[in-house]
Amino acid sequence: MWGLSPVVGKKIIAGAFRKPFRVLPVTLSGSLGRIGSLEVRLAATRKDLHKAQRLRYKVFFEEGGAIPDARAALTRRDADKFDAFCDHLIVIDHEGRSRTGKKKPTVVGAYRLLRSDVAVKKRGFYSSSEYDLAPLLARHPDKRFLELGRSCVLKPYRGKKTIELLWRGLLAYIRAYDMDALIGCASLEGANPLKHAVALSFLSHHAGADAEWSVRARTELHVPMAMLDKSAMDQRRALASLPPLIKGYLRVGAKFGDGAVVDKKFNTTDVFVVMPVAEMDTRYLEFFGDSERAA
């Protein structure tokens, strides 16, 4: 699809804890992009994974109001059964500081990546607990899906540079594995869908997926999204009410599933996102895929 030759060979990256966390293709085994002191790459060791999990805990639990179980509260890490077989994209600030003020590389952004070929061998997709993915997968039996999840960025770094690097890393991953479509849940902060009536209605009326790519929330969890009539909406206000991540998905060409889902544990209202790679806006693909521009 991307006009690239298949990945040849594998490379094990040594690191902290000695035992590598992941065997990565050669094309993904190093830096995937850098802007100033920020660098994006895949987690290669368990130490990398633990740093990503600590970032997730800080963003989801300490800042976002998610409710930790006893293990998460003790370890101060957001971890689950999917982490062991997913890949983890991380953004590192090499000029970061420890609590004592000492210079220390710090993980400031993260994405969890789960390919469909891995999902079918393991526990399935994470988002299948909220959305019925079976019809989508049945309609596209030969497509390679990549589930994006656990996306988070440390508050001081929620700007253009970090987002650019995360997308640059994602595109490198998409190309290396020749993925056909991106899927996953995106979240609006707060577990009361009525407070997101404007945002949810906008996504339903203006960015709903067509029948070929449609996914519906599980019946017992389904919350209707079109709470407001299309003619009564202020589109500019509605767009402004969306979280930055969802705005970014819209710019690239994402579409959204049928129904929102309330996640009480994470204190969020979730929507399903689908992005067929062939239909993504080429302007953004060219921008984020241009390594010379990154330099």
C-alpha atoms as a PDB file:
ATOM      1  CA  MET A   1       0.000   0.000   0.000  1.00  0.00           C
ATOM      2  CA  TRP A   2       2.735   2.422   0.928  1.00  0.00           C
ATOM      3  CA  GLY A   3       5.140   1.314  -1.812  1.00  0.00           C
ATOM      4  CA  LEU A   4       7.669   0.017   0.694  1.00  0.00           C
ATOM      5  CA  SER A   5       9.518  -3.274   0.531  1.00  0.00           C
ATOM      6  CA  PRO A   6       8.776  -5.824   3.279  1.00  0.00           C
ATOM      7  CA  VAL A   7      10.689  -5.535   6.534  1.00  0.00           C
ATOM      8  CA  VAL A   8      13.744  -7.746   6.440  1.00  0.00           C
ATOM      9  CA  GLY A   9      15.293  -9.018   9.620  1.00  0.00           C
ATOM     10  CA  LYS A  10      14.652  -8.321  13.282  1.00  0.00           C
ATOM     11  CA  LYS A  11      16.690  -6.556  15.910  1.00  0.00           C
ATOM     12  CA  ILE A  12      16.565  -6.992  19.661  1.00  0.00           C
ATOM     13  CA  ILE A  13      17.175  -3.768  21.526  1.00  0.00           C
ATOM     14  CA  ALA A  14      19.064  -4.147  24.764  1.00  0.00           C
ATOM     15  CA  GLY A  15      18.296  -1.825  27.619  1.00  0.00           C
ATOM     16  CA  ALA A  16      17.354  -1.483  31.223  1.00  0.00           C
ATOM     17  CA  PHE A  17      16.255  -4.638  33.048  1.00  0.00           C
ATOM     18  CA  ARG A  18      18.471  -6.532  30.546  1.00  0.00           C
ATOM     19  CA  LYS A  19      15.568  -8.583  29.161  1.00  0.00           C
ATOM     20  CA  PRO A  20      14.152  -6.765  26.108  1.00  0.00           C
ATOM     21  CA  PHE A  21      10.444  -6.012  26.262  1.00  0.00           C
ATOM     22  CA  ARG A  22       9.931  -6.352  22.532  1.00  0.00           C
ATOM     23  CA  VAL A  23      11.564  -7.699  19.380  1.00  0.00           C
ATOM     24  CA  LEU A  24      11.128  -4.889  16.849  1.00  0.00           C
ATOM     25  CA  PRO A  25      11.508  -4.713  13.070  1.00  0.00           C
ATOM     26  CA  VAL A  26      14.758  -3.042  12.053  1.00  0.00           C
ATOM     27  CA  THR A  27      12.865  -0.079  10.583  1.00  0.00           C
ATOM     28  CA  LEU A  28      11.262   0.616  13.987  1.00  0.00           C
ATOM     29  CA  SER A  29      14.185  -0.183  16.278  1.00  0.00           C
ATOM     30  CA  GLY A  30      15.544   3.348  16.686  1.00  0.00           C
ATOM     31  CA  SER A  31      14.393   6.923  16.756  1.00  0.00           C
ATOM     32  CA  LEU A  32      11.286   7.604  14.645  1.00  0.00           C
ATOM     33  CA  GLY A  33      11.600  11.376  14.801  1.00  0.00           C
ATOM     34  CA  ARG A  34      12.984  14.240  16.834  1.00  0.00           C
ATOM     35  CA  ILE A  35      12.110  17.901  17.379  1.00  0.00           C
ATOM     36  CA  GLY A  36      14.501  19.723  19.688  1.00  0.00           C
ATOM     37  CA  SER A  37      14.811  17.756  22.924  1.00  0.00           C
ATOM     38  CA  LEU A  38      11.754  15.619  22.111  1.00  0.00           C
ATOM     39  CA  GLU A  39      12.135  12.212  20.498  1.00  0.00           C
ATOM     40  CA  VAL A  40       9.585   9.563  19.509  1.00  0.00           C
ATOM     41  CA  ARG A  41      10.316   5.833  19.436  1.00  0.00           C
ATOM     42  CA  LEU A  42       8.819   2.518  20.493  1.00  0.00           C
ATOM     43  CA  ALA A  43       9.273   1.180  23.996  1.00  0.00           C
ATOM     44  CA  ALA A  44      12.071  -1.382  23.816  1.00  0.00           C
ATOM     45  CA  THR A  45      12.511  -2.441  27.443  1.00  0.00           C
ATOM     46  CA  ARG A  46      10.314  -3.049  30.474  1.00  0.00           C
ATOM     47  CA  LYS A  47      11.718   0.132  31.957  1.00  0.00           C
ATOM     48  CA  ASP A  48      10.301   2.012  28.957  1.00  0.00           C
ATOM     49  CA  LEU A  49       6.933   0.317  29.479  1.00  0.00           C
ATOM     50  CA  HIS A  50       6.869   1.188  33.173  1.00  0.00           C
ATOM     51  CA  LYS A  51       7.608   4.829  32.368  1.00  0.00           C
ATOM     52  CA  ALA A  52       4.681   4.883  29.928  1.00  0.00           C
ATOM     53  CA  GLN A  53       2.438   3.280  32.545  1.00  0.00           C
ATOM     54  CA  ARG A  54       3.464   5.871  35.134  1.00  0.00           C
ATOM     55  CA  LEU A  55       2.654   8.651  32.661  1.00  0.00           C
ATOM     56  CA  ARG A  56      -0.759   7.074  32.044  1.00  0.00           C
ATOM     57  CA  TYR A  57      -1.418   6.892  35.778  1.00  0.00           C
ATOM     58  CA  LYS A  58      -0.534  10.539  36.208  1.00  0.00           C
ATOM     59  CA  VAL A  59      -2.799  11.665  33.340  1.00  0.00           C
ATOM     60  CA  PHE A  60      -5.736   9.276  33.807  1.00  0.00           C
ATOM     61  CA  PHE A  61      -5.875   8.868  37.571  1.00  0.00           C
ATOM     62  CA  GLU A  62      -4.193  11.850  39.198  1.00  0.00           C
ATOM     63  CA  GLU A  63      -5.434  14.397  36.682  1.00  0.00           C
ATOM     64  CA  GLY A  64      -8.435  12.809  34.972  1.00  0.00           C
ATOM     65  CA  GLY A  65     -10.258  11.399  37.989  1.00  0.00           C
ATOM     66  CA  ALA A  66     -10.120   7.714  37.033  1.00  0.00           C
ATOM     67  CA  ILE A  67     -10.572   5.279  39.919  1.00  0.00           C
ATOM     68  CA  PRO A  68      -7.494   3.075  40.533  1.00  0.00           C
ATOM     69  CA  ASP A  69      -7.699  -0.459  41.869  1.00  0.00           C
ATOM     70  CA  ALA A  70      -5.464  -1.481  44.743  1.00  0.00           C
ATOM     71  CA  ARG A  71      -2.590  -2.574  42.495  1.00  0.00           C
ATOM     72  CA  ALA A  72      -2.581   0.636  40.447  1.00  0.00           C
ATOM     73  CA  ALA A  73      -2.749   2.777  43.591  1.00  0.00           C
ATOM     74  CA  LEU A  74       0.221   0.908  45.066  1.00  0.00           C
ATOM     75  CA  THR A  75       2.455   0.886  41.976  1.00  0.00           C
ATOM     76  CA  ARG A  76       1.324   4.300  40.645  1.00  0.00           C
ATOM     77  CA  ARG A  77       1.164   2.715  37.214  1.00  0.00           C
ATOM     78  CA  ASP A  78      -1.774   2.195  34.840  1.00  0.00           C
ATOM     79  CA  ALA A  79      -1.308  -1.397  33.686  1.00  0.00           C
ATOM     80  CA  ASP A  80      -3.584  -4.116  32.346  1.00  0.00           C
ATOM     81  CA  LYS A  81      -3.505  -7.509  30.611  1.00  0.00           C
ATOM     82  CA  PHE A  82      -3.137  -5.935  27.148  1.00  0.00           C
ATOM     83  CA  ASP A  83       0.158  -4.158  27.849  1.00  0.00           C
ATOM     84  CA  ALA A  84       2.293  -7.288  27.574  1.00  0.00           C
ATOM     85  CA  PHE A  85       1.513  -7.961  23.904  1.00  0.00           C
ATOM     86  CA  CYS A  86       0.911  -4.408  22.620  1.00  0.00           C
ATOM     87  CA  ASP A  87       3.554  -2.073  21.241  1.00  0.00           C
ATOM     88  CA  HIS A  88       3.970   1.248  23.028  1.00  0.00           C
ATOM     89  CA  LEU A  89       4.863   4.459  21.225  1.00  0.00           C
ATOM     90  CA  ILE A  90       6.536   6.966  23.531  1.00  0.00           C
ATOM     91  CA  VAL A  91       7.717  10.577  23.311  1.00  0.00           C
ATOM     92  CA  ILE A  92      10.755  11.356  25.449  1.00  0.00           C
ATOM     93  CA  ASP A  93      12.002  14.744  26.575  1.00  0.00           C
ATOM     94  CA  HIS A  94      15.766  14.384  26.851  1.00  0.00           C
ATOM     95  CA  GLU A  95      15.906  17.662  28.755  1.00  0.00           C
ATOM     96  CA  GLY A  96      13.361  16.491  31.332  1.00  0.00           C
ATOM     97  CA  ARG A  97      13.870  16.956  35.051  1.00  0.00           C
ATOM     98  CA  SER A  98      13.374  14.687  38.055  1.00  0.00           C
ATOM     99  CA  ARG A  99      11.519  15.817  41.170  1.00  0.00           C
ATOM    100  CA  THR A 100      14.824  16.944  42.614  1.00  0.00           C
ATOM    101  CA  GLY A 101      15.557  19.080  39.551  1.00  0.00           C
ATOM    102  CA  LYS A 102      18.206  16.746  38.147  1.00  0.00           C
ATOM    103  CA  LYS A 103      18.303  16.370  34.380  1.00  0.00           C
ATOM    104  CA  LYS A 104      16.549  13.118  33.462  1.00  0.00           C
ATOM    105  CA  PRO A 105      14.985  11.860  30.196  1.00  0.00           C
ATOM    106  CA  THR A 106      11.228  11.805  30.770  1.00  0.00           C
ATOM    107  CA  VAL A 107       8.385  10.054  28.935  1.00  0.00           C
ATOM    108  CA  VAL A 108       5.857  12.818  28.198  1.00  0.00           C
ATOM    109  CA  GLY A 109       3.590  11.186  25.618  1.00  0.00           C
ATOM    110  CA  ALA A 110       2.381   7.677  24.831  1.00  0.00           C
ATOM    111  CA  TYR A 111       0.159   5.560  22.582  1.00  0.00           C
ATOM    112  CA  ARG A 112      -0.645   1.866  22.897  1.00  0.00           C
ATOM    113  CA  LEU A 113      -0.737  -0.022  19.588  1.00  0.00           C
ATOM    114  CA  LEU A 114      -2.445  -3.369  18.967  1.00  0.00           C
ATOM    115  CA  ARG A 115      -2.376  -4.990  15.525  1.00  0.00           C
ATOM    116  CA  SER A 116      -5.193  -7.276  14.422  1.00  0.00           C
ATOM    117  CA  ASP A 117      -2.822 -10.197  13.765  1.00  0.00           C
ATOM    118  CA  VAL A 118      -1.732  -9.983  17.405  1.00  0.00           C
ATOM    119  CA  ALA A 119      -5.264  -9.416  18.712  1.00  0.00           C
ATOM    120  CA  VAL A 120      -6.628 -12.606  17.142  1.00  0.00           C
ATOM    121  CA  LYS A 121      -3.920 -14.646  18.860  1.00  0.00           C
ATOM    122  CA  LYS A 122      -4.363 -13.022  22.250  1.00  0.00           C
ATOM    123  CA  ARG A 123      -7.366 -11.419  23.934  1.00  0.00           C
ATOM    124  CA  GLY A 124      -8.942  -9.578  21.016  1.00  0.00           C
ATOM    125  CA  PHE A 125      -9.172  -5.795  20.797  1.00  0.00           C
ATOM    126  CA  TYR A 126      -9.495  -3.699  23.942  1.00  0.00           C
ATOM    127  CA  SER A 127     -12.327  -1.640  22.426  1.00  0.00           C
ATOM    128  CA  SER A 128     -14.453  -4.767  21.884  1.00  0.00           C
ATOM    129  CA  SER A 129     -15.552  -4.520  25.523  1.00  0.00           C
ATOM    130  CA  GLU A 130     -17.493  -1.378  24.555  1.00  0.00           C
ATOM    131  CA  TYR A 131     -18.194  -1.783  20.822  1.00  0.00           C
ATOM    132  CA  ASP A 132     -19.299  -4.711  18.662  1.00  0.00           C
ATOM    133  CA  LEU A 133     -16.387  -5.074  16.253  1.00  0.00           C
ATOM    134  CA  ALA A 134     -17.447  -8.401  14.748  1.00  0.00           C
ATOM    135  CA  PRO A 135     -19.486  -6.917  11.843  1.00  0.00           C
ATOM    136  CA  LEU A 136     -16.657  -4.534  10.907  1.00  0.00           C
ATOM    137  CA  LEU A 137     -14.052  -7.294  10.918  1.00  0.00           C
ATOM    138  CA  ALA A 138     -16.365  -9.595   8.947  1.00  0.00           C
ATOM    139  CA  ARG A 139     -16.853  -6.935   6.252  1.00  0.00           C
ATOM    140  CA  HIS A 140     -13.072  -6.551   5.873  1.00  0.00           C
ATOM    141  CA  PRO A 141     -11.560 -10.011   6.418  1.00  0.00           C
ATOM    142  CA  ASP A 142      -8.367  -9.155   4.527  1.00  0.00           C
ATOM    143  CA  LYS A 143      -7.751  -5.757   6.109  1.00  0.00           C
ATOM    144  CA  ARG A 144      -5.024  -5.187   8.705  1.00  0.00           C
ATOM    145  CA  PHE A 145      -6.398  -3.151  11.604  1.00  0.00           C
ATOM    146  CA  LEU A 146      -4.373  -1.184  14.142  1.00  0.00           C
ATOM    147  CA  GLU A 147      -6.067  -0.296  17.417  1.00  0.00           C
ATOM    148  CA  LEU A 148      -4.897   2.935  19.054  1.00  0.00           C
ATOM    149  CA  GLY A 149      -5.408   3.236  22.783  1.00  0.00           C
ATOM    150  CA  ARG A 150      -4.265   4.724  26.074  1.00  0.00           C
ATOM    151  CA  SER A 151      -3.200   7.939  24.338  1.00  0.00           C
ATOM    152  CA  CYS A 152      -1.939  10.571  26.756  1.00  0.00           C
ATOM    153  CA  VAL A 153       0.393  13.564  26.937  1.00  0.00           C
ATOM    154  CA  LEU A 154       1.780  15.219  30.058  1.00  0.00           C
ATOM    155  CA  LYS A 155       0.028  18.550  30.605  1.00  0.00           C
ATOM    156  CA  PRO A 156       2.986  20.933  29.934  1.00  0.00           C
ATOM    157  CA  TYR A 157       3.654  19.117  26.637  1.00  0.00           C
ATOM    158  CA  ARG A 158       0.157  19.256  25.118  1.00  0.00           C
ATOM    159  CA  GLY A 159       1.207  21.237  22.109  1.00  0.00           C
ATOM    160  CA  LYS A 160       2.038  20.945  18.441  1.00  0.00           C
ATOM    161  CA  LYS A 161       5.486  19.354  18.784  1.00  0.00           C
ATOM    162  CA  THR A 162       4.385  16.361  20.864  1.00  0.00           C
ATOM    163  CA  ILE A 163       1.356  15.684  18.677  1.00  0.00           C
ATOM    164  CA  GLU A 164       3.484  15.908  15.525  1.00  0.00           C
ATOM    165  CA  LEU A 165       5.938  13.382  16.913  1.00  0.00           C
ATOM    166  CA  LEU A 166       3.207  10.952  17.961  1.00  0.00           C
ATOM    167  CA  TRP A 167       1.749  11.093  14.446  1.00  0.00           C
ATOM    168  CA  ARG A 168       5.184  10.686  12.915  1.00  0.00           C
ATOM    169  CA  GLY A 169       5.705   7.571  14.993  1.00  0.00           C
ATOM    170  CA  LEU A 170       2.273   6.239  14.092  1.00  0.00           C
ATOM    171  CA  LEU A 171       2.910   6.675  10.370  1.00  0.00           C
ATOM    172  CA  ALA A 172       6.261   4.890  10.621  1.00  0.00           C
ATOM    173  CA  TYR A 173       4.480   2.012  12.359  1.00  0.00           C
ATOM    174  CA  ILE A 174       1.642   1.958   9.790  1.00  0.00           C
ATOM    175  CA  ARG A 175       4.164   1.768   6.963  1.00  0.00           C
ATOM    176  CA  ALA A 176       6.353  -0.878   8.587  1.00  0.00           C
ATOM    177  CA  TYR A 177       3.396  -3.219   9.110  1.00  0.00           C
ATOM    178  CA  ASP A 178       1.358  -2.079   6.077  1.00  0.00           C
ATOM    179  CA  MET A 179      -1.774  -1.384   8.129  1.00  0.00           C
ATOM    180  CA  ASP A 180      -5.081  -0.709   6.361  1.00  0.00           C
ATOM    181  CA  ALA A 181      -7.181   1.022   9.016  1.00  0.00           C
ATOM    182  CA  LEU A 182      -6.863   2.599  12.450  1.00  0.00           C
ATOM    183  CA  ILE A 183      -9.540   1.988  15.067  1.00  0.00           C
ATOM    184  CA  GLY A 184     -10.050   2.631  18.761  1.00  0.00           C
ATOM    185  CA  CYS A 185     -11.883   4.577  21.420  1.00  0.00           C
ATOM    186  CA  ALA A 186     -11.370   8.287  22.016  1.00  0.00           C
ATOM    187  CA  SER A 187     -12.586   9.934  25.191  1.00  0.00           C
ATOM    188  CA  LEU A 188     -14.339  13.063  26.342  1.00  0.00           C
ATOM    189  CA  GLU A 189     -13.568  13.892  29.966  1.00  0.00           C
ATOM    190  CA  GLY A 190     -16.421  13.199  32.360  1.00  0.00           C
ATOM    191  CA  ALA A 191     -18.890  10.323  32.646  1.00  0.00           C
ATOM    192  CA  ASN A 192     -22.052  12.373  32.016  1.00  0.00           C
ATOM    193  CA  PRO A 193     -22.920  12.214  28.278  1.00  0.00           C
ATOM    194  CA  LEU A 194     -25.456  15.031  28.627  1.00  0.00           C
ATOM    195  CA  LYS A 195     -22.601  17.447  29.295  1.00  0.00           C
ATOM    196  CA  HIS A 196     -21.173  16.462  25.914  1.00  0.00           C
ATOM    197  CA  ALA A 197     -24.449  16.795  23.999  1.00  0.00           C
ATOM    198  CA  VAL A 198     -23.037  19.401  21.613  1.00  0.00           C
ATOM    199  CA  ALA A 199     -19.829  17.475  20.848  1.00  0.00           C
ATOM    200  CA  LEU A 200     -21.545  14.104  20.489  1.00  0.00           C
ATOM    201  CA  SER A 201     -24.281  15.520  18.276  1.00  0.00           C
ATOM    202  CA  PHE A 202     -21.685  17.175  16.033  1.00  0.00           C
ATOM    203  CA  LEU A 203     -19.789  13.901  15.576  1.00  0.00           C
ATOM    204  CA  SER A 204     -22.999  12.016  14.853  1.00  0.00           C
ATOM    205  CA  HIS A 205     -24.347  14.514  12.310  1.00  0.00           C
ATOM    206  CA  HIS A 206     -21.115  15.538  10.579  1.00  0.00           C
ATOM    207  CA  ALA A 207     -18.594  12.729  11.032  1.00  0.00           C
ATOM    208  CA  GLY A 208     -20.515   9.475  11.260  1.00  0.00           C
ATOM    209  CA  ALA A 209     -18.954   6.453   9.547  1.00  0.00           C
ATOM    210  CA  ASP A 210     -20.687   5.089   6.461  1.00  0.00           C
ATOM    211  CA  ALA A 211     -22.152   1.572   6.419  1.00  0.00           C
ATOM    212  CA  GLU A 212     -18.910  -0.043   5.228  1.00  0.00           C
ATOM    213  CA  TRP A 213     -16.955   1.152   8.258  1.00  0.00           C
ATOM    214  CA  SER A 214     -19.725   1.548  10.821  1.00  0.00           C
ATOM    215  CA  VAL A 215     -19.353   0.176  14.349  1.00  0.00           C
ATOM    216  CA  ARG A 216     -22.092   0.241  16.978  1.00  0.00           C
ATOM    217  CA  ALA A 217     -21.742   0.436  20.736  1.00  0.00           C
ATOM    218  CA  ARG A 218     -22.820  -2.716  22.544  1.00  0.00           C
ATOM    219  CA  THR A 219     -26.565  -2.653  23.147  1.00  0.00           C
ATOM    220  CA  GLU A 220     -26.338  -2.595  26.931  1.00  0.00           C
ATOM    221  CA  LEU A 221     -23.852   0.313  26.827  1.00  0.00           C
ATOM    222  CA  HIS A 222     -25.197   2.317  23.867  1.00  0.00           C
ATOM    223  CA  VAL A 223     -25.838   6.027  24.504  1.00  0.00           C
ATOM    224  CA  PRO A 224     -27.436   7.905  21.551  1.00  0.00           C
ATOM    225  CA  MET A 225     -25.122  10.626  20.258  1.00  0.00           C
ATOM    226  CA  ALA A 226     -27.523  12.766  18.211  1.00  0.00           C
ATOM    227  CA  MET A 227     -28.984  14.527  21.247  1.00  0.00           C
ATOM    228  CA  LEU A 228     -29.428  17.852  19.421  1.00  0.00           C
ATOM    229  CA  ASP A 229     -31.066  18.450  16.069  1.00  0.00           C
ATOM    230  CA  LYS A 230     -28.621  19.128  13.255  1.00  0.00           C
ATOM    231  CA  SER A 231     -30.343  22.350  12.190  1.00  0.00           C
ATOM    232  CA  ALA A 232     -30.141  23.777  15.711  1.00  0.00           C
ATOM    233  CA  MET A 233     -26.388  23.319  16.085  1.00  0.00           C
ATOM    234  CA  ASP A 234     -23.670  25.966  15.940  1.00  0.00           C
ATOM    235  CA  GLN A 235     -20.963  24.003  14.114  1.00  0.00           C
ATOM    236  CA  ARG A 236     -18.144  26.331  15.148  1.00  0.00           C
ATOM    237  CA  ARG A 237     -19.087  26.077  18.812  1.00  0.00           C
ATOM    238  CA  ALA A 238     -19.487  22.322  18.498  1.00  0.00           C
ATOM    239  CA  LEU A 239     -16.049  21.893  16.943  1.00  0.00           C
ATOM    240  CA  ALA A 240     -14.486  24.043  19.653  1.00  0.00           C
ATOM    241  CA  SER A 241     -16.012  21.799  22.323  1.00  0.00           C
ATOM    242  CA  LEU A 242     -14.103  18.738  21.111  1.00  0.00           C
ATOM    243  CA  PRO A 243     -10.906  17.521  22.831  1.00  0.00           C
ATOM    244  CA  PRO A 244      -7.677  18.219  20.873  1.00  0.00           C
ATOM    245  CA  LEU A 245      -7.124  14.526  20.119  1.00  0.00           C
ATOM    246  CA  ILE A 246     -10.546  14.147  18.498  1.00  0.00           C
ATOM    247  CA  LYS A 247     -10.037  17.385  16.536  1.00  0.00           C
ATOM    248  CA  GLY A 248      -6.784  15.944  15.271  1.00  0.00           C
ATOM    249  CA  TYR A 249      -8.506  12.749  14.183  1.00  0.00           C
ATOM    250  CA  LEU A 250     -11.143  14.785  12.332  1.00  0.00           C
ATOM    251  CA  ARG A 251      -8.473  16.748  10.451  1.00  0.00           C
ATOM    252  CA  VAL A 252      -6.895  13.540   9.229  1.00  0.00           C
ATOM    253  CA  GLY A 253     -10.278  12.246   8.057  1.00  0.00           C
ATOM    254  CA  ALA A 254     -11.557  10.043  10.888  1.00  0.00           C
ATOM    255  CA  LYS A 255     -15.166   8.909  11.131  1.00  0.00           C
ATOM    256  CA  PHE A 256     -17.065   7.920  14.251  1.00  0.00           C
ATOM    257  CA  GLY A 257     -19.223   4.984  15.265  1.00  0.00           C
ATOM    258  CA  ASP A 258     -22.839   4.729  16.372  1.00  0.00           C
ATOM    259  CA  GLY A 259     -23.312   5.429  20.058  1.00  0.00           C
ATOM    260  CA  ALA A 260     -21.202   6.690  22.931  1.00  0.00           C
ATOM    261  CA  VAL A 261     -20.216   4.590  25.952  1.00  0.00           C
ATOM    262  CA  VAL A 262     -19.770   5.755  29.538  1.00  0.00           C
ATOM    263  CA  ASP A 263     -16.604   4.452  31.195  1.00  0.00           C
ATOM    264  CA  LYS A 264     -17.126   5.059  34.909  1.00  0.00           C
ATOM    265  CA  LYS A 265     -13.750   3.676  35.932  1.00  0.00           C
ATOM    266  CA  PHE A 266     -11.890   6.188  33.772  1.00  0.00           C
ATOM    267  CA  ASN A 267     -14.480   8.951  34.243  1.00  0.00           C
ATOM    268  CA  THR A 268     -14.928   9.383  30.492  1.00  0.00           C
ATOM    269  CA  THR A 269     -17.507   9.266  27.718  1.00  0.00           C
ATOM    270  CA  ASP A 270     -16.059   7.225  24.875  1.00  0.00           C
ATOM    271  CA  VAL A 271     -16.654   7.334  21.114  1.00  0.00           C
ATOM    272  CA  PHE A 272     -15.422   4.894  18.505  1.00  0.00           C
ATOM    273  CA  VAL A 273     -13.000   6.135  15.850  1.00  0.00           C
ATOM    274  CA  VAL A 274     -12.242   4.509  12.502  1.00  0.00           C
ATOM    275  CA  MET A 275      -9.682   5.787   9.978  1.00  0.00           C
ATOM    276  CA  PRO A 276      -9.163   3.789   6.756  1.00  0.00           C
ATOM    277  CA  VAL A 277      -5.592   4.628   5.770  1.00  0.00           C
ATOM    278  CA  ALA A 278      -6.469   4.931   2.073  1.00  0.00           C
ATOM    279  CA  GLU A 279      -9.022   7.632   2.935  1.00  0.00           C
ATOM    280  CA  MET A 280      -6.855   9.691   5.277  1.00  0.00           C
ATOM    281  CA  ASP A 281      -6.044  13.245   4.203  1.00  0.00           C
ATOM    282  CA  THR A 282      -2.847  13.018   2.152  1.00  0.00           C
ATOM    283  CA  ARG A 283      -1.777  16.528   3.214  1.00  0.00           C
ATOM    284  CA  TYR A 284      -1.294  15.319   6.765  1.00  0.00           C
ATOM    285  CA  LEU A 285       0.241  12.025   5.739  1.00  0.00           C
ATOM    286  CA  GLU A 286       2.810  13.868   3.650  1.00  0.00           C
ATOM    287  CA  PHE A 287       3.541  16.362   6.416  1.00  0.00           C
ATOM    288  CA  PHE A 288       3.918  13.841   9.246  1.00  0.00           C
ATOM    289  CA  GLY A 289       5.710  11.333   7.040  1.00  0.00           C
ATOM    290  CA  ASP A 290       8.385  13.782   5.907  1.00  0.00           C
ATOM    291  CA  SER A 291      11.500  13.011   7.975  1.00  0.00           C
ATOM    292  CA  GLU A 292      13.392  15.946   6.482  1.00  0.00           C
ATOM    293  CA  ARG A 293      10.670  18.305   7.650  1.00  0.00           C
ATOM    294  CA  ALA A 294      11.030  16.867  11.155  1.00  0.00           C
ATOM    295  CA  ALA A 295      14.732  17.582  11.141  1.00  0.00           C
END
